[in-house]
Every structure is written in structure tokens, then in C-alpha cells.
Amino acid sequence: LLRLLPKIEALATDPGLTPDLAALVRA
């Protein structure tokens, strides 16, 4: 989990994502 979760959290801040997809990952 400690290996996967930071990658998923970092994806939520990726400027290449649309606001909807970034919010989806965070939620």
C-alpha cells in the first residue's frame, strides 16, 4: 500500500488531468 498510494495521490495533482478526473482520484 505504501508503494501504491503515493503514486495514486501524485496522479491527482498531475496538471495533465482534467479537473473532473483529478477530483475523482482524490475522492
PDB file of all heavy atoms in Angstrom:
ATOM      1  N   LEU A   1       0.825  -1.209   0.000  1.00  0.00           N
ATOM      2  CA  LEU A   1       0.000   0.000   0.000  1.00  0.00           C
ATOM      3  C   LEU A   1       0.860   1.260   0.000  1.00  0.00           C
ATOM      4  O   LEU A   1       0.582   2.220  -0.727  1.00  0.00           O
ATOM      5  CB  LEU A   1      -0.921  -0.002   1.223  1.00  0.00           C
ATOM      6  CG  LEU A   1      -2.188  -0.845   1.132  1.00  0.00           C
ATOM      7  CD1 LEU A   1      -2.853  -0.933   2.494  1.00  0.00           C
ATOM      8  CD2 LEU A   1      -3.158  -0.254   0.125  1.00  0.00           C
ATOM      9  N   LEU A   2       1.913   1.247   0.814  1.00  0.00           N
ATOM     10  CA  LEU A   2       2.787   2.420   0.898  1.00  0.00           C
ATOM     11  C   LEU A   2       3.542   2.650  -0.404  1.00  0.00           C
ATOM     12  O   LEU A   2       4.064   3.748  -0.631  1.00  0.00           O
ATOM     13  CB  LEU A   2       3.764   2.246   2.064  1.00  0.00           C
ATOM     14  CG  LEU A   2       3.123   2.321   3.455  1.00  0.00           C
ATOM     15  CD1 LEU A   2       4.130   1.958   4.529  1.00  0.00           C
ATOM     16  CD2 LEU A   2       2.561   3.712   3.700  1.00  0.00           C
ATOM     17  N   ARG A   3       3.614   1.633  -1.225  1.00  0.00           N
ATOM     18  CA  ARG A   3       4.228   1.807  -2.546  1.00  0.00           C
ATOM     19  C   ARG A   3       3.224   2.345  -3.560  1.00  0.00           C
ATOM     20  O   ARG A   3       3.581   3.152  -4.424  1.00  0.00           O
ATOM     21  CB  ARG A   3       4.798   0.459  -3.016  1.00  0.00           C
ATOM     22  CG  ARG A   3       5.365   0.475  -4.428  1.00  0.00           C
ATOM     23  CD  ARG A   3       6.114  -0.805  -4.729  1.00  0.00           C
ATOM     24  NE  ARG A   3       5.310  -1.988  -4.495  1.00  0.00           N
ATOM     25  CZ  ARG A   3       4.448  -2.488  -5.378  1.00  0.00           C
ATOM     26  NH1 ARG A   3       4.272  -1.866  -6.535  1.00  0.00           N
ATOM     27  NH2 ARG A   3       3.763  -3.577  -5.103  1.00  0.00           N
ATOM     28  N   LEU A   4       1.948   1.925  -3.447  1.00  0.00           N
ATOM     29  CA  LEU A   4       0.957   2.312  -4.440  1.00  0.00           C
ATOM     30  C   LEU A   4       0.293   3.655  -4.149  1.00  0.00           C
ATOM     31  O   LEU A   4       0.075   4.463  -5.056  1.00  0.00           O
ATOM     32  CB  LEU A   4      -0.139   1.236  -4.520  1.00  0.00           C
ATOM     33  CG  LEU A   4       0.243  -0.097  -5.155  1.00  0.00           C
ATOM     34  CD1 LEU A   4      -0.904  -1.089  -5.014  1.00  0.00           C
ATOM     35  CD2 LEU A   4       0.576   0.096  -6.627  1.00  0.00           C
ATOM     36  N   LEU A   5      -0.048   3.905  -2.877  1.00  0.00           N
ATOM     37  CA  LEU A   5      -0.855   5.082  -2.563  1.00  0.00           C
ATOM     38  C   LEU A   5      -0.180   6.401  -2.925  1.00  0.00           C
ATOM     39  O   LEU A   5      -0.844   7.301  -3.464  1.00  0.00           O
ATOM     40  CB  LEU A   5      -1.246   5.060  -1.086  1.00  0.00           C
ATOM     41  CG  LEU A   5      -2.251   3.966  -0.706  1.00  0.00           C
ATOM     42  CD1 LEU A   5      -2.515   3.962   0.785  1.00  0.00           C
ATOM     43  CD2 LEU A   5      -3.565   4.157  -1.460  1.00  0.00           C
ATOM     44  N   PRO A   6       1.123   6.598  -2.653  1.00  0.00           N
ATOM     45  CA  PRO A   6       1.726   7.870  -3.055  1.00  0.00           C
ATOM     46  C   PRO A   6       1.655   8.108  -4.568  1.00  0.00           C
ATOM     47  O   PRO A   6       1.484   9.251  -5.011  1.00  0.00           O
ATOM     48  CB  PRO A   6       3.181   7.738  -2.576  1.00  0.00           C
ATOM     49  CG  PRO A   6       3.125   6.749  -1.471  1.00  0.00           C
ATOM     50  CD  PRO A   6       2.059   5.776  -1.858  1.00  0.00           C
ATOM     51  N   LYS A   7       1.744   7.039  -5.346  1.00  0.00           N
ATOM     52  CA  LYS A   7       1.640   7.211  -6.798  1.00  0.00           C
ATOM     53  C   LYS A   7       0.234   7.671  -7.189  1.00  0.00           C
ATOM     54  O   LYS A   7       0.063   8.523  -8.075  1.00  0.00           O
ATOM     55  CB  LYS A   7       1.967   5.892  -7.501  1.00  0.00           C
ATOM     56  CG  LYS A   7       3.392   5.391  -7.291  1.00  0.00           C
ATOM     57  CD  LYS A   7       3.582   4.054  -8.003  1.00  0.00           C
ATOM     58  CE  LYS A   7       4.985   3.500  -7.765  1.00  0.00           C
ATOM     59  NZ  LYS A   7       5.184   2.187  -8.429  1.00  0.00           N
ATOM     60  N   ILE A   8      -0.770   7.106  -6.532  1.00  0.00           N
ATOM     61  CA  ILE A   8      -2.147   7.497  -6.853  1.00  0.00           C
ATOM     62  C   ILE A   8      -2.396   8.930  -6.414  1.00  0.00           C
ATOM     63  O   ILE A   8      -3.035   9.721  -7.131  1.00  0.00           O
ATOM     64  CB  ILE A   8      -3.137   6.525  -6.194  1.00  0.00           C
ATOM     65  CG1 ILE A   8      -2.903   5.102  -6.725  1.00  0.00           C
ATOM     66  CG2 ILE A   8      -4.577   6.944  -6.450  1.00  0.00           C
ATOM     67  CD1 ILE A   8      -3.728   4.047  -6.032  1.00  0.00           C
ATOM     68  N   GLU A   9      -1.891   9.307  -5.235  1.00  0.00           N
ATOM     69  CA  GLU A   9      -2.054  10.683  -4.765  1.00  0.00           C
ATOM     70  C   GLU A   9      -1.340  11.666  -5.690  1.00  0.00           C
ATOM     71  O   GLU A   9      -1.854  12.748  -5.983  1.00  0.00           O
ATOM     72  CB  GLU A   9      -1.519  10.807  -3.341  1.00  0.00           C
ATOM     73  CG  GLU A   9      -2.406  10.126  -2.308  1.00  0.00           C
ATOM     74  CD  GLU A   9      -1.967  10.450  -0.897  1.00  0.00           C
ATOM     75  OE1 GLU A   9      -0.763  10.263  -0.605  1.00  0.00           O
ATOM     76  OE2 GLU A   9      -2.801  10.902  -0.108  1.00  0.00           O
ATOM     77  N   ALA A  10      -0.167  11.277  -6.142  1.00  0.00           N
ATOM     78  CA  ALA A  10       0.572  12.160  -7.052  1.00  0.00           C
ATOM     79  C   ALA A  10      -0.178  12.333  -8.364  1.00  0.00           C
ATOM     80  O   ALA A  10      -0.157  13.414  -8.978  1.00  0.00           O
ATOM     81  CB  ALA A  10       1.972  11.598  -7.300  1.00  0.00           C
ATOM     82  N   LEU A  11      -0.879  11.274  -8.789  1.00  0.00           N
ATOM     83  CA  LEU A  11      -1.644  11.378 -10.031  1.00  0.00           C
ATOM     84  C   LEU A  11      -2.737  12.433  -9.915  1.00  0.00           C
ATOM     85  O   LEU A  11      -3.067  13.109 -10.896  1.00  0.00           O
ATOM     86  CB  LEU A  11      -2.253  10.009 -10.360  1.00  0.00           C
ATOM     87  CG  LEU A  11      -3.126   9.923 -11.617  1.00  0.00           C
ATOM     88  CD1 LEU A  11      -2.295  10.264 -12.854  1.00  0.00           C
ATOM     89  CD2 LEU A  11      -3.743   8.537 -11.749  1.00  0.00           C
ATOM     90  N   ALA A  12      -3.315  12.575  -8.703  1.00  0.00           N
ATOM     91  CA  ALA A  12      -4.385  13.557  -8.514  1.00  0.00           C
ATOM     92  C   ALA A  12      -3.899  14.987  -8.713  1.00  0.00           C
ATOM     93  O   ALA A  12      -4.705  15.893  -8.927  1.00  0.00           O
ATOM     94  CB  ALA A  12      -4.998  13.396  -7.121  1.00  0.00           C
ATOM     95  N   THR A  13      -2.595  15.234  -8.619  1.00  0.00           N
ATOM     96  CA  THR A  13      -2.048  16.590  -8.798  1.00  0.00           C
ATOM     97  C   THR A  13      -1.421  16.760 -10.179  1.00  0.00           C
ATOM     98  O   THR A  13      -0.809  17.797 -10.452  1.00  0.00           O
ATOM     99  CB  THR A  13      -0.999  16.879  -7.712  1.00  0.00           C
ATOM    100  OG1 THR A  13       0.088  15.945  -7.846  1.00  0.00           O
ATOM    101  CG2 THR A  13      -1.609  16.736  -6.332  1.00  0.00           C
ATOM    102  N   ASP A  14      -1.555  15.765 -11.030  1.00  0.00           N
ATOM    103  CA  ASP A  14      -0.984  15.850 -12.368  1.00  0.00           C
ATOM    104  C   ASP A  14      -1.699  16.943 -13.166  1.00  0.00           C
ATOM    105  O   ASP A  14      -2.921  16.886 -13.352  1.00  0.00           O
ATOM    106  CB  ASP A  14      -1.151  14.492 -13.067  1.00  0.00           C
ATOM    107  CG  ASP A  14      -0.418  14.423 -14.407  1.00  0.00           C
ATOM    108  OD1 ASP A  14      -0.189  15.467 -15.023  1.00  0.00           O
ATOM    109  OD2 ASP A  14      -0.085  13.293 -14.829  1.00  0.00           O
ATOM    110  N   PRO A  15      -0.964  17.963 -13.632  1.00  0.00           N
ATOM    111  CA  PRO A  15      -1.623  19.045 -14.380  1.00  0.00           C
ATOM    112  C   PRO A  15      -2.228  18.569 -15.699  1.00  0.00           C
ATOM    113  O   PRO A  15      -3.055  19.270 -16.289  1.00  0.00           O
ATOM    114  CB  PRO A  15      -0.485  20.050 -14.617  1.00  0.00           C
ATOM    115  CG  PRO A  15       0.776  19.257 -14.485  1.00  0.00           C
ATOM    116  CD  PRO A  15       0.485  18.199 -13.470  1.00  0.00           C
ATOM    117  N   GLY A  16      -1.831  17.397 -16.176  1.00  0.00           N
ATOM    118  CA  GLY A  16      -2.387  16.891 -17.423  1.00  0.00           C
ATOM    119  C   GLY A  16      -3.783  16.320 -17.287  1.00  0.00           C
ATOM    120  O   GLY A  16      -4.438  16.034 -18.292  1.00  0.00           O
ATOM    121  N   LEU A  17      -4.267  16.127 -16.046  1.00  0.00           N
ATOM    122  CA  LEU A  17      -5.609  15.596 -15.842  1.00  0.00           C
ATOM    123  C   LEU A  17      -6.643  16.708 -15.879  1.00  0.00           C
ATOM    124  O   LEU A  17      -6.371  17.849 -15.487  1.00  0.00           O
ATOM    125  CB  LEU A  17      -5.713  14.882 -14.490  1.00  0.00           C
ATOM    126  CG  LEU A  17      -4.979  13.556 -14.311  1.00  0.00           C
ATOM    127  CD1 LEU A  17      -5.360  12.949 -12.966  1.00  0.00           C
ATOM    128  CD2 LEU A  17      -5.294  12.599 -15.437  1.00  0.00           C
ATOM    129  N   THR A  18      -7.828  16.395 -16.350  1.00  0.00           N
ATOM    130  CA  THR A  18      -8.941  17.343 -16.271  1.00  0.00           C
ATOM    131  C   THR A  18      -9.337  17.497 -14.807  1.00  0.00           C
ATOM    132  O   THR A  18      -9.095  16.593 -13.983  1.00  0.00           O
ATOM    133  CB  THR A  18     -10.139  16.839 -17.072  1.00  0.00           C
ATOM    134  OG1 THR A  18     -10.617  15.623 -16.466  1.00  0.00           O
ATOM    135  CG2 THR A  18      -9.758  16.587 -18.524  1.00  0.00           C
ATOM    136  N   PRO A  19      -9.957  18.625 -14.427  1.00  0.00           N
ATOM    137  CA  PRO A  19     -10.389  18.799 -13.025  1.00  0.00           C
ATOM    138  C   PRO A  19     -11.301  17.671 -12.551  1.00  0.00           C
ATOM    139  O   PRO A  19     -11.222  17.250 -11.402  1.00  0.00           O
ATOM    140  CB  PRO A  19     -11.108  20.147 -13.049  1.00  0.00           C
ATOM    141  CG  PRO A  19     -10.503  20.882 -14.195  1.00  0.00           C
ATOM    142  CD  PRO A  19     -10.183  19.850 -15.228  1.00  0.00           C
ATOM    143  N   ASP A  20     -12.170  17.178 -13.460  1.00  0.00           N
ATOM    144  CA  ASP A  20     -13.073  16.088 -13.063  1.00  0.00           C
ATOM    145  C   ASP A  20     -12.305  14.836 -12.680  1.00  0.00           C
ATOM    146  O   ASP A  20     -12.577  14.205 -11.654  1.00  0.00           O
ATOM    147  CB  ASP A  20     -14.028  15.753 -14.213  1.00  0.00           C
ATOM    148  CG  ASP A  20     -15.322  16.545 -14.109  1.00  0.00           C
ATOM    149  OD1 ASP A  20     -15.362  17.471 -13.275  1.00  0.00           O
ATOM    150  OD2 ASP A  20     -16.260  16.247 -14.862  1.00  0.00           O
ATOM    151  N   LEU A  21     -11.323  14.445 -13.498  1.00  0.00           N
ATOM    152  CA  LEU A  21     -10.570  13.230 -13.210  1.00  0.00           C
ATOM    153  C   LEU A  21      -9.701  13.393 -11.972  1.00  0.00           C
ATOM    154  O   LEU A  21      -9.549  12.451 -11.184  1.00  0.00           O
ATOM    155  CB  LEU A  21      -9.715  12.850 -14.424  1.00  0.00           C
ATOM    156  CG  LEU A  21     -10.481  12.304 -15.630  1.00  0.00           C
ATOM    157  CD1 LEU A  21      -9.521  11.999 -16.776  1.00  0.00           C
ATOM    158  CD2 LEU A  21     -11.265  11.043 -15.253  1.00  0.00           C
ATOM    159  N   ALA A  22      -9.111  14.569 -11.796  1.00  0.00           N
ATOM    160  CA  ALA A  22      -8.307  14.802 -10.589  1.00  0.00           C
ATOM    161  C   ALA A  22      -9.177  14.689  -9.337  1.00  0.00           C
ATOM    162  O   ALA A  22      -8.781  14.080  -8.334  1.00  0.00           O
ATOM    163  CB  ALA A  22      -7.642  16.174 -10.668  1.00  0.00           C
ATOM    164  N   ALA A  23     -10.384  15.298  -9.392  1.00  0.00           N
ATOM    165  CA  ALA A  23     -11.292  15.209  -8.251  1.00  0.00           C
ATOM    166  C   ALA A  23     -11.746  13.772  -8.028  1.00  0.00           C
ATOM    167  O   ALA A  23     -11.919  13.330  -6.888  1.00  0.00           O
ATOM    168  CB  ALA A  23     -12.496  16.118  -8.483  1.00  0.00           C
ATOM    169  N   LEU A  24     -11.925  13.009  -9.102  1.00  0.00           N
ATOM    170  CA  LEU A  24     -12.331  11.608  -8.978  1.00  0.00           C
ATOM    171  C   LEU A  24     -11.279  10.796  -8.238  1.00  0.00           C
ATOM    172  O   LEU A  24     -11.607   9.990  -7.355  1.00  0.00           O
ATOM    173  CB  LEU A  24     -12.574  11.027 -10.376  1.00  0.00           C
ATOM    174  CG  LEU A  24     -12.892   9.519 -10.452  1.00  0.00           C
ATOM    175  CD1 LEU A  24     -14.188   9.217  -9.725  1.00  0.00           C
ATOM    176  CD2 LEU A  24     -12.966   9.054 -11.903  1.00  0.00           C
ATOM    177  N   VAL A  25      -9.996  10.999  -8.564  1.00  0.00           N
ATOM    178  CA  VAL A  25      -8.932  10.252  -7.894  1.00  0.00           C
ATOM    179  C   VAL A  25      -8.882  10.619  -6.415  1.00  0.00           C
ATOM    180  O   VAL A  25      -8.759   9.745  -5.548  1.00  0.00           O
ATOM    181  CB  VAL A  25      -7.583  10.524  -8.576  1.00  0.00           C
ATOM    182  CG1 VAL A  25      -6.448   9.864  -7.805  1.00  0.00           C
ATOM    183  CG2 VAL A  25      -7.601  10.020 -10.016  1.00  0.00           C
ATOM    184  N   ARG A  26      -8.986  11.936  -6.110  1.00  0.00           N
ATOM    185  CA  ARG A  26      -8.944  12.348  -4.702  1.00  0.00           C
ATOM    186  C   ARG A  26     -10.109  11.757  -3.917  1.00  0.00           C
ATOM    187  O   ARG A  26      -9.950  11.271  -2.801  1.00  0.00           O
ATOM    188  CB  ARG A  26      -8.965  13.877  -4.600  1.00  0.00           C
ATOM    189  CG  ARG A  26      -7.659  14.545  -4.987  1.00  0.00           C
ATOM    190  CD  ARG A  26      -7.633  15.992  -4.509  1.00  0.00           C
ATOM    191  NE  ARG A  26      -8.738  16.763  -5.064  1.00  0.00           N
ATOM    192  CZ  ARG A  26      -8.706  17.373  -6.237  1.00  0.00           C
ATOM    193  NH1 ARG A  26      -7.617  17.266  -6.992  1.00  0.00           N
ATOM    194  NH2 ARG A  26      -9.734  18.067  -6.675  1.00  0.00           N
ATOM    195  N   ALA A  27     -11.295  11.814  -4.518  1.00  0.00           N
ATOM    196  CA  ALA A  27     -12.475  11.304  -3.812  1.00  0.00           C
ATOM    197  C   ALA A  27     -12.398   9.794  -3.603  1.00  0.00           C
ATOM    198  O   ALA A  27     -12.857   9.277  -2.589  1.00  0.00           O
ATOM    199  CB  ALA A  27     -13.737  11.660  -4.590  1.00  0.00           C
TER     200      ALA A  27
END
